[in-house]
Amino acid sequence: MDGFGLVDTALWRRRLRLPRHDWLLGIGGILAGAAVFLLMARPPVPSDGNDLVHWVAQGRAQLMWSDELLFFAVVSLGAGFRGSLADRITRRSTRFDLGAASSMVSLVSLVVVLLAVGRLVYPAYGIALSADVVALLVSVTFGALHLALLAFAVTTVSLTWFVSPAKWPATIVGIAIAAAFVAGSFPWLTPTWWNLLVAVLLAGWGFLIGSLQRTR
């Protein structure tokens, strides 16, 4: 019975994680990177409330596409994370627990961005937004994006940190990407070209994590 139990456990763990999960993680990264790229490609955010209303009105189509892409990004990333980390349920690891926790923080933060940008571009019941409310929503958008990028940085380091010397290139790449995410989490302090570069790195991030999990 014990032998059959071990076989059943091995099959159960194999079913938990499928290559499709890695593809979902990669697709989610591309969609999230595209959404952030559209958001960062906008002119610098003004500080005055009336100028903010004009900033949103000018880029409504761009913000709308960013919001739509972000919805599918959250769904794909959520499914990808669930599948890619599922085989660690029975083999507890501090690194993977940290990666799972930070990935959840990133998803929640992206949902907040999704809601804030959605309210900026979709006039629910035709309710007009005052300049103060627009300023609040824009602040929440970039504040939540700040948290998401910090969480992505923690996830990157935790899931690319290998003990084996043969894996040190992946560790270096992971640390470099994480450092870029941390620097890019302050888009109001960094130039536009750097913010766009961070979005491009985010687009390829999912395939990096997925491929590394598959090789393990």
Protein backbone atom coordinates (compact mmCIF):
# COMPACT_ATOMS: atom_id res chain seq x y z
CA MET A 1 0.00 0.00 0.00
CA ASP A 2 2.87 2.35 0.80
CA GLY A 3 4.33 1.83 -2.66
CA PHE A 4 1.02 2.62 -4.33
CA GLY A 5 0.71 5.67 -2.10
CA LEU A 6 4.07 7.01 -3.26
CA VAL A 7 3.10 6.48 -6.89
CA ASP A 8 -0.23 8.24 -6.39
CA THR A 9 1.52 11.16 -4.69
CA ALA A 10 4.04 11.47 -7.52
CA LEU A 11 1.27 11.44 -10.15
CA TRP A 12 -0.73 14.00 -8.17
CA ARG A 13 2.23 16.33 -7.98
CA ARG A 14 2.93 15.87 -11.68
CA ARG A 15 -0.64 16.80 -12.55
CA LEU A 16 -0.47 19.93 -10.41
CA ARG A 17 2.06 21.58 -12.67
CA LEU A 18 1.82 21.48 -16.46
CA PRO A 19 3.88 23.20 -19.20
CA ARG A 20 0.77 25.24 -19.99
CA HIS A 21 1.20 26.96 -16.62
CA ASP A 22 4.63 28.22 -17.71
CA TRP A 23 3.12 29.53 -20.94
CA LEU A 24 0.40 31.32 -18.97
CA LEU A 25 3.09 32.90 -16.81
CA GLY A 26 4.92 34.09 -19.92
CA ILE A 27 1.78 35.40 -21.60
CA GLY A 28 0.77 37.16 -18.38
CA GLY A 29 4.16 38.83 -18.25
CA ILE A 30 3.81 40.04 -21.84
CA LEU A 31 0.33 41.43 -21.20
CA ALA A 32 1.42 43.12 -17.96
CA GLY A 33 4.49 44.57 -19.66
CA ALA A 34 2.37 45.91 -22.53
CA ALA A 35 -0.09 47.47 -20.07
CA VAL A 36 2.70 49.15 -18.11
CA PHE A 37 4.36 50.26 -21.36
CA LEU A 38 1.17 52.03 -22.47
CA LEU A 39 0.88 53.65 -19.06
CA MET A 40 4.49 54.80 -18.99
CA ALA A 41 4.44 56.02 -22.61
CA ARG A 42 2.13 58.82 -21.57
CA PRO A 43 3.62 62.29 -20.97
CA PRO A 44 4.81 62.98 -17.41
CA VAL A 45 1.97 63.20 -14.91
CA PRO A 46 1.24 66.82 -13.94
CA SER A 47 0.74 67.76 -10.31
CA ASP A 48 -2.13 70.22 -10.77
CA GLY A 49 -5.65 68.76 -10.57
CA ASN A 50 -7.02 70.52 -13.66
CA ASP A 51 -3.96 69.51 -15.69
CA LEU A 52 -4.52 65.93 -14.53
CA VAL A 53 -8.06 65.96 -15.91
CA HIS A 54 -6.66 67.10 -19.26
CA TRP A 55 -3.89 64.44 -19.03
CA VAL A 56 -6.48 61.69 -18.58
CA ALA A 57 -8.74 63.05 -21.34
CA GLN A 58 -5.88 63.22 -23.84
CA GLY A 59 -4.75 59.66 -23.22
CA ARG A 60 -8.12 58.01 -22.61
CA ALA A 61 -7.75 55.46 -25.42
CA GLN A 62 -4.23 54.56 -24.32
CA LEU A 63 -5.29 54.18 -20.69
CA MET A 64 -8.30 52.11 -21.75
CA TRP A 65 -6.13 49.62 -23.66
CA SER A 66 -3.74 49.45 -20.72
CA ASP A 67 -6.65 48.63 -18.42
CA GLU A 68 -8.02 45.91 -20.71
CA LEU A 69 -4.63 44.25 -21.12
CA LEU A 70 -4.06 44.38 -17.38
CA PHE A 71 -7.23 42.37 -16.70
CA PHE A 72 -6.06 39.45 -18.84
CA ALA A 73 -2.55 39.83 -17.42
CA VAL A 74 -3.81 39.34 -13.86
CA VAL A 75 -5.82 36.26 -14.85
CA SER A 76 -2.90 34.71 -16.76
CA LEU A 77 -0.34 35.50 -14.06
CA GLY A 78 -2.61 34.14 -11.34
CA ALA A 79 -3.08 30.84 -13.15
CA GLY A 80 0.60 30.67 -14.06
CA PHE A 81 1.75 31.30 -10.51
CA ARG A 82 -0.68 28.71 -9.18
CA GLY A 83 0.58 26.05 -11.55
CA SER A 84 4.28 26.89 -11.48
CA LEU A 85 4.45 26.84 -7.69
CA ALA A 86 1.99 23.99 -7.14
CA ASP A 87 4.66 21.28 -7.00
CA ARG A 88 6.15 22.99 -3.96
CA ILE A 89 3.05 22.31 -1.85
CA THR A 90 4.44 19.03 -0.55
CA ARG A 91 8.07 20.20 -0.46
CA ARG A 92 8.15 23.33 1.63
CA SER A 93 10.86 25.87 0.86
CA THR A 94 11.37 29.31 2.36
CA ARG A 95 12.39 30.72 -1.01
CA PHE A 96 9.30 29.43 -2.75
CA ASP A 97 7.03 30.50 0.10
CA LEU A 98 8.53 33.99 -0.22
CA GLY A 99 8.04 33.89 -3.98
CA ALA A 100 4.42 32.79 -3.59
CA ALA A 101 3.66 35.52 -1.03
CA SER A 102 5.28 38.27 -3.11
CA SER A 103 3.53 37.07 -6.26
CA MET A 104 0.19 37.41 -4.47
CA VAL A 105 1.14 40.96 -3.43
CA SER A 106 1.96 41.81 -7.05
CA LEU A 107 -1.38 40.43 -8.27
CA VAL A 108 -3.37 42.36 -5.65
CA SER A 109 -1.47 45.54 -6.51
CA LEU A 110 -2.19 45.07 -10.22
CA VAL A 111 -5.88 44.62 -9.40
CA VAL A 112 -5.81 47.98 -7.60
CA VAL A 113 -4.20 49.55 -10.70
CA LEU A 114 -6.87 47.87 -12.82
CA LEU A 115 -9.69 49.32 -10.73
CA ALA A 116 -8.21 52.83 -10.50
CA VAL A 117 -7.47 53.16 -14.22
CA GLY A 118 -10.82 51.59 -15.07
CA ARG A 119 -12.64 54.24 -13.08
CA LEU A 120 -10.64 56.96 -14.80
CA VAL A 121 -11.61 55.87 -18.31
CA TYR A 122 -15.05 54.29 -17.84
CA PRO A 123 -17.76 56.75 -16.72
CA ALA A 124 -19.88 54.48 -14.52
CA TYR A 125 -23.52 55.67 -14.72
CA GLY A 126 -22.24 58.89 -16.28
CA ILE A 127 -20.89 60.12 -12.92
CA ALA A 128 -18.42 62.93 -13.55
CA LEU A 129 -15.16 62.94 -11.61
CA SER A 130 -13.91 66.10 -9.97
CA ALA A 131 -10.28 67.17 -10.28
CA ASP A 132 -9.61 66.02 -6.73
CA VAL A 133 -10.99 62.54 -7.41
CA VAL A 134 -8.95 62.26 -10.62
CA ALA A 135 -5.84 63.27 -8.68
CA LEU A 136 -6.59 60.60 -6.07
CA LEU A 137 -7.13 57.86 -8.68
CA VAL A 138 -3.93 58.74 -10.55
CA SER A 139 -2.01 58.71 -7.26
CA VAL A 140 -3.48 55.32 -6.36
CA THR A 141 -2.58 53.99 -9.83
CA PHE A 142 1.10 54.77 -9.57
CA GLY A 143 1.25 53.95 -5.87
CA ALA A 144 -0.13 50.46 -6.54
CA LEU A 145 2.20 50.08 -9.52
CA HIS A 146 5.08 50.92 -7.17
CA LEU A 147 4.03 48.07 -4.86
CA ALA A 148 3.57 45.66 -7.79
CA LEU A 149 7.09 46.26 -9.13
CA LEU A 150 8.61 45.86 -5.67
CA ALA A 151 6.74 42.57 -5.28
CA PHE A 152 7.90 41.43 -8.73
CA ALA A 153 11.47 42.20 -7.63
CA VAL A 154 11.13 40.00 -4.54
CA THR A 155 9.53 37.22 -6.59
CA THR A 156 12.33 37.38 -9.15
CA VAL A 157 15.11 37.07 -6.60
CA SER A 158 13.42 34.31 -4.63
CA LEU A 159 12.60 32.15 -7.68
CA THR A 160 15.95 32.58 -9.48
CA TRP A 161 18.18 32.07 -6.45
CA PHE A 162 19.86 28.72 -6.94
CA VAL A 163 22.32 26.99 -4.65
CA SER A 164 23.94 25.01 -7.48
CA PRO A 165 27.00 26.82 -8.99
CA ALA A 166 25.82 25.76 -12.46
CA LYS A 167 22.81 28.07 -12.06
CA TRP A 168 24.70 31.25 -11.19
CA PRO A 169 23.97 32.98 -14.56
CA ALA A 170 20.25 32.74 -13.85
CA THR A 171 20.83 34.16 -10.39
CA ILE A 172 22.76 37.13 -11.80
CA VAL A 173 20.08 37.81 -14.41
CA GLY A 174 17.38 37.58 -11.75
CA ILE A 175 19.15 40.02 -9.44
CA ALA A 176 19.71 42.46 -12.33
CA ILE A 177 16.04 42.35 -13.34
CA ALA A 178 14.96 42.73 -9.71
CA ALA A 179 17.21 45.79 -9.33
CA ALA A 180 15.65 47.29 -12.46
CA PHE A 181 12.18 46.67 -11.04
CA VAL A 182 13.11 48.39 -7.77
CA ALA A 183 14.50 51.42 -9.62
CA GLY A 184 11.49 51.47 -11.93
CA SER A 185 9.06 51.37 -9.02
CA PHE A 186 9.56 55.13 -8.67
CA PRO A 187 8.39 56.28 -12.13
CA TRP A 188 8.02 59.86 -10.94
CA LEU A 189 11.79 59.96 -10.26
CA THR A 190 13.11 58.12 -13.32
CA PRO A 191 13.10 59.19 -17.00
CA THR A 192 10.54 57.88 -19.46
CA TRP A 193 13.05 55.71 -21.34
CA TRP A 194 13.93 53.87 -18.14
CA ASN A 195 10.26 53.30 -17.28
CA LEU A 196 9.67 51.88 -20.76
CA LEU A 197 12.71 49.61 -20.35
CA VAL A 198 11.26 48.26 -17.11
CA ALA A 199 8.01 47.51 -18.95
CA VAL A 200 9.96 45.57 -21.60
CA LEU A 201 11.78 43.60 -18.89
CA LEU A 202 8.44 42.80 -17.30
CA ALA A 203 7.18 41.50 -20.66
CA GLY A 204 9.99 38.94 -20.80
CA TRP A 205 10.01 38.24 -17.07
CA GLY A 206 7.24 35.63 -17.13
CA PHE A 207 9.02 33.45 -19.71
CA LEU A 208 12.26 33.66 -17.69
CA ILE A 209 10.56 32.48 -14.50
CA GLY A 210 8.53 29.84 -16.32
CA SER A 211 11.56 28.40 -18.13
CA LEU A 212 13.60 28.26 -14.91
CA GLN A 213 10.80 26.49 -13.07
CA ARG A 214 10.50 24.01 -15.94
CA THR A 215 14.23 23.17 -15.85
CA ARG A 216 13.93 22.40 -12.14
